[in-house]
């Protein structure tokens, strides 16, 4: 996990819809990233939750590799 303190209670979990809106992509794209192992996620029942810090890290890596 990307949290410095290691305390999960300080982390913010986002829904797939929130991640999609944040990244300006479709929900299906987020599901592909999760199922492909590119974006870590936690399964809660039938839905997924993604740490906001993991989304930030994914976008940062993608930005640098695109340049």
PDB file of N, CA and C in Angstrom:
ATOM      1  N   UNK A   1       0.815  -1.191   0.000  1.00  0.00           N
ATOM      2  CA  UNK A   1       0.000   0.000   0.000  1.00  0.00           C
ATOM      3  C   UNK A   1       0.855   1.250   0.000  1.00  0.00           C
ATOM      4  N   UNK A   2       0.295   2.306  -0.492  1.00  0.00           N
ATOM      5  CA  UNK A   2       1.064   3.521  -0.666  1.00  0.00           C
ATOM      6  C   UNK A   2       1.040   4.417   0.572  1.00  0.00           C
ATOM      7  N   UNK A   3       0.339   4.004   1.618  1.00  0.00           N
ATOM      8  CA  UNK A   3       0.282   4.846   2.807  1.00  0.00           C
ATOM      9  C   UNK A   3       1.593   4.780   3.566  1.00  0.00           C
ATOM     10  N   UNK A   4       2.048   5.927   4.053  1.00  0.00           N
ATOM     11  CA  UNK A   4       3.325   5.996   4.745  1.00  0.00           C
ATOM     12  C   UNK A   4       3.246   5.413   6.143  1.00  0.00           C
ATOM     13  N   UNK A   5       2.144   5.679   6.846  1.00  0.00           N
ATOM     14  CA  UNK A   5       2.029   5.238   8.228  1.00  0.00           C
ATOM     15  C   UNK A   5       1.634   3.772   8.329  1.00  0.00           C
ATOM     16  N   UNK A   6       1.123   3.201   7.257  1.00  0.00           N
ATOM     17  CA  UNK A   6       0.696   1.821   7.284  1.00  0.00           C
ATOM     18  C   UNK A   6      -0.663   1.649   7.935  1.00  0.00           C
ATOM     19  N   UNK A   7      -1.313   2.725   8.310  1.00  0.00           N
ATOM     20  CA  UNK A   7      -2.611   2.677   8.970  1.00  0.00           C
ATOM     21  C   UNK A   7      -3.706   2.798   7.914  1.00  0.00           C
ATOM     22  N   UNK A   8      -4.447   1.730   7.715  1.00  0.00           N
ATOM     23  CA  UNK A   8      -5.469   1.690   6.665  1.00  0.00           C
ATOM     24  C   UNK A   8      -6.622   2.651   6.955  1.00  0.00           C
ATOM     25  N   UNK A   9      -6.832   3.023   8.220  1.00  0.00           N
ATOM     26  CA  UNK A   9      -7.940   3.909   8.558  1.00  0.00           C
ATOM     27  C   UNK A   9      -7.744   5.322   8.005  1.00  0.00           C
ATOM     28  N   UNK A  10      -6.509   5.669   7.657  1.00  0.00           N
ATOM     29  CA  UNK A  10      -6.239   6.985   7.072  1.00  0.00           C
ATOM     30  C   UNK A  10      -6.463   6.997   5.567  1.00  0.00           C
ATOM     31  N   UNK A  11      -6.707   5.844   4.971  1.00  0.00           N
ATOM     32  CA  UNK A  11      -6.829   5.725   3.529  1.00  0.00           C
ATOM     33  C   UNK A  11      -8.260   5.997   3.074  1.00  0.00           C
ATOM     34  N   UNK A  12      -8.362   6.537   1.858  1.00  0.00           N
ATOM     35  CA  UNK A  12      -9.681   6.798   1.292  1.00  0.00           C
ATOM     36  C   UNK A  12      -9.934   5.806   0.166  1.00  0.00           C
ATOM     37  N   UNK A  13     -11.030   5.054   0.288  1.00  0.00           N
ATOM     38  CA  UNK A  13     -11.404   4.094  -0.732  1.00  0.00           C
ATOM     39  C   UNK A  13     -12.408   4.720  -1.682  1.00  0.00           C
ATOM     40  N   UNK A  14     -12.224   4.466  -2.973  1.00  0.00           N
ATOM     41  CA  UNK A  14     -13.107   4.998  -4.002  1.00  0.00           C
ATOM     42  C   UNK A  14     -13.842   3.862  -4.696  1.00  0.00           C
ATOM     43  N   UNK A  15     -15.060   4.141  -5.154  1.00  0.00           N
ATOM     44  CA  UNK A  15     -15.796   3.162  -5.948  1.00  0.00           C
ATOM     45  C   UNK A  15     -15.259   3.180  -7.374  1.00  0.00           C
ATOM     46  N   UNK A  16     -15.635   2.175  -8.148  1.00  0.00           N
ATOM     47  CA  UNK A  16     -15.227   2.120  -9.550  1.00  0.00           C
ATOM     48  C   UNK A  16     -15.743   3.356 -10.293  1.00  0.00           C
ATOM     49  N   UNK A  17     -16.957   3.768  -9.996  1.00  0.00           N
ATOM     50  CA  UNK A  17     -17.526   4.954 -10.649  1.00  0.00           C
ATOM     51  C   UNK A  17     -16.734   6.213 -10.311  1.00  0.00           C
ATOM     52  N   UNK A  18     -16.301   6.338  -9.057  1.00  0.00           N
ATOM     53  CA  UNK A  18     -15.510   7.501  -8.646  1.00  0.00           C
ATOM     54  C   UNK A  18     -14.143   7.498  -9.317  1.00  0.00           C
ATOM     55  N   UNK A  19     -13.534   6.315  -9.418  1.00  0.00           N
ATOM     56  CA  UNK A  19     -12.238   6.210 -10.096  1.00  0.00           C
ATOM     57  C   UNK A  19     -12.392   6.580 -11.568  1.00  0.00           C
ATOM     58  N   UNK A  20     -13.456   6.083 -12.196  1.00  0.00           N
ATOM     59  CA  UNK A  20     -13.705   6.379 -13.614  1.00  0.00           C
ATOM     60  C   UNK A  20     -13.878   7.884 -13.830  1.00  0.00           C
ATOM     61  N   UNK A  21     -14.620   8.529 -12.954  1.00  0.00           N
ATOM     62  CA  UNK A  21     -14.824   9.981 -13.074  1.00  0.00           C
ATOM     63  C   UNK A  21     -13.509  10.730 -12.859  1.00  0.00           C
ATOM     64  N   UNK A  22     -12.718  10.266 -11.904  1.00  0.00           N
ATOM     65  CA  UNK A  22     -11.437  10.911 -11.589  1.00  0.00           C
ATOM     66  C   UNK A  22     -10.464  10.799 -12.764  1.00  0.00           C
ATOM     67  N   UNK A  23     -10.465   9.637 -13.417  1.00  0.00           N
ATOM     68  CA  UNK A  23      -9.549   9.390 -14.529  1.00  0.00           C
ATOM     69  C   UNK A  23     -10.139   9.810 -15.882  1.00  0.00           C
ATOM     70  N   UNK A  24     -11.410  10.174 -15.897  1.00  0.00           N
ATOM     71  CA  UNK A  24     -12.113  10.555 -17.132  1.00  0.00           C
ATOM     72  C   UNK A  24     -12.135   9.404 -18.145  1.00  0.00           C
ATOM     73  N   UNK A  25     -12.436   8.193 -17.622  1.00  0.00           N
ATOM     74  CA  UNK A  25     -12.573   7.007 -18.466  1.00  0.00           C
ATOM     75  C   UNK A  25     -13.881   6.309 -18.089  1.00  0.00           C
ATOM     76  N   UNK A  26     -14.229   5.270 -18.827  1.00  0.00           N
ATOM     77  CA  UNK A  26     -15.447   4.528 -18.513  1.00  0.00           C
ATOM     78  C   UNK A  26     -15.213   3.581 -17.346  1.00  0.00           C
ATOM     79  N   UNK A  27     -16.311   3.145 -16.733  1.00  0.00           N
ATOM     80  CA  UNK A  27     -16.197   2.169 -15.648  1.00  0.00           C
ATOM     81  C   UNK A  27     -15.593   0.872 -16.169  1.00  0.00           C
ATOM     82  N   UNK A  28     -15.904   0.498 -17.403  1.00  0.00           N
ATOM     83  CA  UNK A  28     -15.356  -0.732 -17.980  1.00  0.00           C
ATOM     84  C   UNK A  28     -13.831  -0.665 -18.045  1.00  0.00           C
ATOM     85  N   UNK A  29     -13.282   0.507 -18.355  1.00  0.00           N
ATOM     86  CA  UNK A  29     -11.827   0.669 -18.393  1.00  0.00           C
ATOM     87  C   UNK A  29     -11.231   0.427 -17.012  1.00  0.00           C
ATOM     88  N   UNK A  30     -11.892   0.925 -15.973  1.00  0.00           N
ATOM     89  CA  UNK A  30     -11.414   0.718 -14.608  1.00  0.00           C
ATOM     90  C   UNK A  30     -11.473  -0.771 -14.260  1.00  0.00           C
ATOM     91  N   UNK A  31     -12.568  -1.442 -14.625  1.00  0.00           N
ATOM     92  CA  UNK A  31     -12.666  -2.888 -14.373  1.00  0.00           C
ATOM     93  C   UNK A  31     -11.545  -3.643 -15.084  1.00  0.00           C
ATOM     94  N   UNK A  32     -11.213  -3.240 -16.311  1.00  0.00           N
ATOM     95  CA  UNK A  32     -10.119  -3.889 -17.041  1.00  0.00           C
ATOM     96  C   UNK A  32      -8.791  -3.703 -16.315  1.00  0.00           C
ATOM     97  N   UNK A  33      -8.558  -2.499 -15.805  1.00  0.00           N
ATOM     98  CA  UNK A  33      -7.321  -2.222 -15.066  1.00  0.00           C
ATOM     99  C   UNK A  33      -7.241  -3.072 -13.791  1.00  0.00           C
ATOM    100  N   UNK A  34      -8.375  -3.203 -13.103  1.00  0.00           N
ATOM    101  CA  UNK A  34      -8.418  -3.994 -11.873  1.00  0.00           C
ATOM    102  C   UNK A  34      -8.199  -5.470 -12.185  1.00  0.00           C
ATOM    103  N   UNK A  35      -8.945  -5.998 -13.149  1.00  0.00           N
ATOM    104  CA  UNK A  35      -8.837  -7.420 -13.474  1.00  0.00           C
ATOM    105  C   UNK A  35      -7.489  -7.759 -14.100  1.00  0.00           C
ATOM    106  N   UNK A  36      -6.884  -6.806 -14.775  1.00  0.00           N
ATOM    107  CA  UNK A  36      -5.581  -7.025 -15.384  1.00  0.00           C
ATOM    108  C   UNK A  36      -4.422  -6.894 -14.408  1.00  0.00           C
ATOM    109  N   UNK A  37      -4.727  -6.473 -13.189  1.00  0.00           N
ATOM    110  CA  UNK A  37      -3.684  -6.341 -12.180  1.00  0.00           C
ATOM    111  C   UNK A  37      -2.915  -5.032 -12.229  1.00  0.00           C
ATOM    112  N   UNK A  38      -3.341  -4.110 -13.090  1.00  0.00           N
ATOM    113  CA  UNK A  38      -2.657  -2.821 -13.199  1.00  0.00           C
ATOM    114  C   UNK A  38      -3.054  -1.851 -12.092  1.00  0.00           C
ATOM    115  N   UNK A  39      -4.247  -2.040 -11.540  1.00  0.00           N
ATOM    116  CA  UNK A  39      -4.751  -1.162 -10.492  1.00  0.00           C
ATOM    117  C   UNK A  39      -5.222  -2.034  -9.320  1.00  0.00           C
ATOM    118  N   UNK A  40      -4.529  -1.964  -8.180  1.00  0.00           N
ATOM    119  CA  UNK A  40      -4.924  -2.790  -7.031  1.00  0.00           C
ATOM    120  C   UNK A  40      -6.311  -2.401  -6.527  1.00  0.00           C
ATOM    121  N   UNK A  41      -7.082  -3.390  -6.104  1.00  0.00           N
ATOM    122  CA  UNK A  41      -8.426  -3.131  -5.589  1.00  0.00           C
ATOM    123  C   UNK A  41      -8.776  -4.153  -4.523  1.00  0.00           C
ATOM    124  N   UNK A  42      -9.740  -3.793  -3.689  1.00  0.00           N
ATOM    125  CA  UNK A  42     -10.259  -4.672  -2.654  1.00  0.00           C
ATOM    126  C   UNK A  42     -11.688  -5.022  -3.043  1.00  0.00           C
ATOM    127  N   UNK A  43     -12.019  -6.296  -2.971  1.00  0.00           N
ATOM    128  CA  UNK A  43     -13.384  -6.716  -3.298  1.00  0.00           C
ATOM    129  C   UNK A  43     -14.232  -6.638  -2.034  1.00  0.00           C
ATOM    130  N   UNK A  44     -15.358  -5.925  -2.142  1.00  0.00           N
ATOM    131  CA  UNK A  44     -16.312  -5.799  -1.041  1.00  0.00           C
ATOM    132  C   UNK A  44     -17.640  -6.320  -1.561  1.00  0.00           C
ATOM    133  N   UNK A  45     -17.984  -7.527  -1.173  1.00  0.00           N
ATOM    134  CA  UNK A  45     -19.185  -8.143  -1.728  1.00  0.00           C
ATOM    135  C   UNK A  45     -18.986  -8.375  -3.212  1.00  0.00           C
ATOM    136  N   UNK A  46     -19.866  -7.783  -4.019  1.00  0.00           N
ATOM    137  CA  UNK A  46     -19.749  -7.924  -5.472  1.00  0.00           C
ATOM    138  C   UNK A  46     -19.086  -6.721  -6.129  1.00  0.00           C
ATOM    139  N   UNK A  47     -18.701  -5.731  -5.338  1.00  0.00           N
ATOM    140  CA  UNK A  47     -18.103  -4.528  -5.907  1.00  0.00           C
ATOM    141  C   UNK A  47     -16.644  -4.381  -5.483  1.00  0.00           C
ATOM    142  N   UNK A  48     -15.963  -3.456  -6.119  1.00  0.00           N
ATOM    143  CA  UNK A  48     -14.553  -3.203  -5.830  1.00  0.00           C
ATOM    144  C   UNK A  48     -14.379  -1.826  -5.219  1.00  0.00           C
ATOM    145  N   UNK A  49     -13.353  -1.698  -4.392  1.00  0.00           N
ATOM    146  CA  UNK A  49     -12.938  -0.405  -3.856  1.00  0.00           C
ATOM    147  C   UNK A  49     -11.451  -0.252  -4.149  1.00  0.00           C
ATOM    148  N   UNK A  50     -11.078   0.962  -4.534  1.00  0.00           N
ATOM    149  CA  UNK A  50      -9.693   1.247  -4.914  1.00  0.00           C
ATOM    150  C   UNK A  50      -9.179   2.361  -4.018  1.00  0.00           C
ATOM    151  N   UNK A  51      -7.965   2.191  -3.500  1.00  0.00           N
ATOM    152  CA  UNK A  51      -7.369   3.252  -2.689  1.00  0.00           C
ATOM    153  C   UNK A  51      -7.062   4.456  -3.570  1.00  0.00           C
ATOM    154  N   UNK A  52      -7.405   5.634  -3.078  1.00  0.00           N
ATOM    155  CA  UNK A  52      -7.143   6.861  -3.823  1.00  0.00           C
ATOM    156  C   UNK A  52      -5.650   7.007  -4.122  1.00  0.00           C
ATOM    157  N   UNK A  53      -4.808   6.616  -3.172  1.00  0.00           N
ATOM    158  CA  UNK A  53      -3.357   6.712  -3.373  1.00  0.00           C
ATOM    159  C   UNK A  53      -2.891   5.784  -4.498  1.00  0.00           C
ATOM    160  N   UNK A  54      -3.553   4.633  -4.668  1.00  0.00           N
ATOM    161  CA  UNK A  54      -3.200   3.725  -5.758  1.00  0.00           C
ATOM    162  C   UNK A  54      -3.576   4.314  -7.116  1.00  0.00           C
ATOM    163  N   UNK A  55      -4.699   5.034  -7.169  1.00  0.00           N
ATOM    164  CA  UNK A  55      -5.095   5.714  -8.415  1.00  0.00           C
ATOM    165  C   UNK A  55      -4.065   6.794  -8.743  1.00  0.00           C
ATOM    166  N   UNK A  56      -3.693   7.579  -7.736  1.00  0.00           N
ATOM    167  CA  UNK A  56      -2.686   8.631  -7.946  1.00  0.00           C
ATOM    168  C   UNK A  56      -1.371   8.049  -8.455  1.00  0.00           C
ATOM    169  N   UNK A  57      -0.951   6.939  -7.848  1.00  0.00           N
ATOM    170  CA  UNK A  57       0.302   6.303  -8.244  1.00  0.00           C
ATOM    171  C   UNK A  57       0.215   5.765  -9.680  1.00  0.00           C
ATOM    172  N   UNK A  58      -0.901   5.150 -10.013  1.00  0.00           N
ATOM    173  CA  UNK A  58      -1.089   4.625 -11.374  1.00  0.00           C
ATOM    174  C   UNK A  58      -1.015   5.759 -12.407  1.00  0.00           C
ATOM    175  N   UNK A  59      -1.693   6.855 -12.113  1.00  0.00           N
ATOM    176  CA  UNK A  59      -1.691   7.996 -13.042  1.00  0.00           C
ATOM    177  C   UNK A  59      -0.290   8.601 -13.156  1.00  0.00           C
ATOM    178  N   UNK A  60       0.433   8.679 -12.047  1.00  0.00           N
ATOM    179  CA  UNK A  60       1.785   9.231 -12.066  1.00  0.00           C
ATOM    180  C   UNK A  60       2.699   8.361 -12.930  1.00  0.00           C
ATOM    181  N   UNK A  61       2.615   7.055 -12.756  1.00  0.00           N
ATOM    182  CA  UNK A  61       3.436   6.138 -13.564  1.00  0.00           C
ATOM    183  C   UNK A  61       3.058   6.213 -15.035  1.00  0.00           C
ATOM    184  N   UNK A  62       1.772   6.283 -15.313  1.00  0.00           N
ATOM    185  CA  UNK A  62       1.315   6.350 -16.708  1.00  0.00           C
ATOM    186  C   UNK A  62       1.764   7.638 -17.377  1.00  0.00           C
ATOM    187  N   UNK A  63       1.731   8.718 -16.631  1.00  0.00           N
ATOM    188  CA  UNK A  63       2.139  10.019 -17.171  1.00  0.00           C
ATOM    189  C   UNK A  63       3.609   9.992 -17.573  1.00  0.00           C
ATOM    190  N   UNK A  64       4.451   9.465 -16.707  1.00  0.00           N
ATOM    191  CA  UNK A  64       5.883   9.449 -16.993  1.00  0.00           C
ATOM    192  C   UNK A  64       6.223   8.485 -18.129  1.00  0.00           C
ATOM    193  N   UNK A  65       5.525   7.362 -18.197  1.00  0.00           N
ATOM    194  CA  UNK A  65       5.846   6.400 -19.251  1.00  0.00           C
ATOM    195  C   UNK A  65       5.330   6.877 -20.610  1.00  0.00           C
ATOM    196  N   UNK A  66       4.372   7.804 -20.621  1.00  0.00           N
ATOM    197  CA  UNK A  66       3.828   8.298 -21.867  1.00  0.00           C
ATOM    198  C   UNK A  66       4.745   9.366 -22.481  1.00  0.00           C
ATOM    199  N   UNK A  67       5.597   9.998 -21.679  1.00  0.00           N
ATOM    200  CA  UNK A  67       6.453  11.075 -22.141  1.00  0.00           C
ATOM    201  C   UNK A  67       7.666  10.539 -22.767  1.00  0.00           C
TER     202      UNK A  67
END
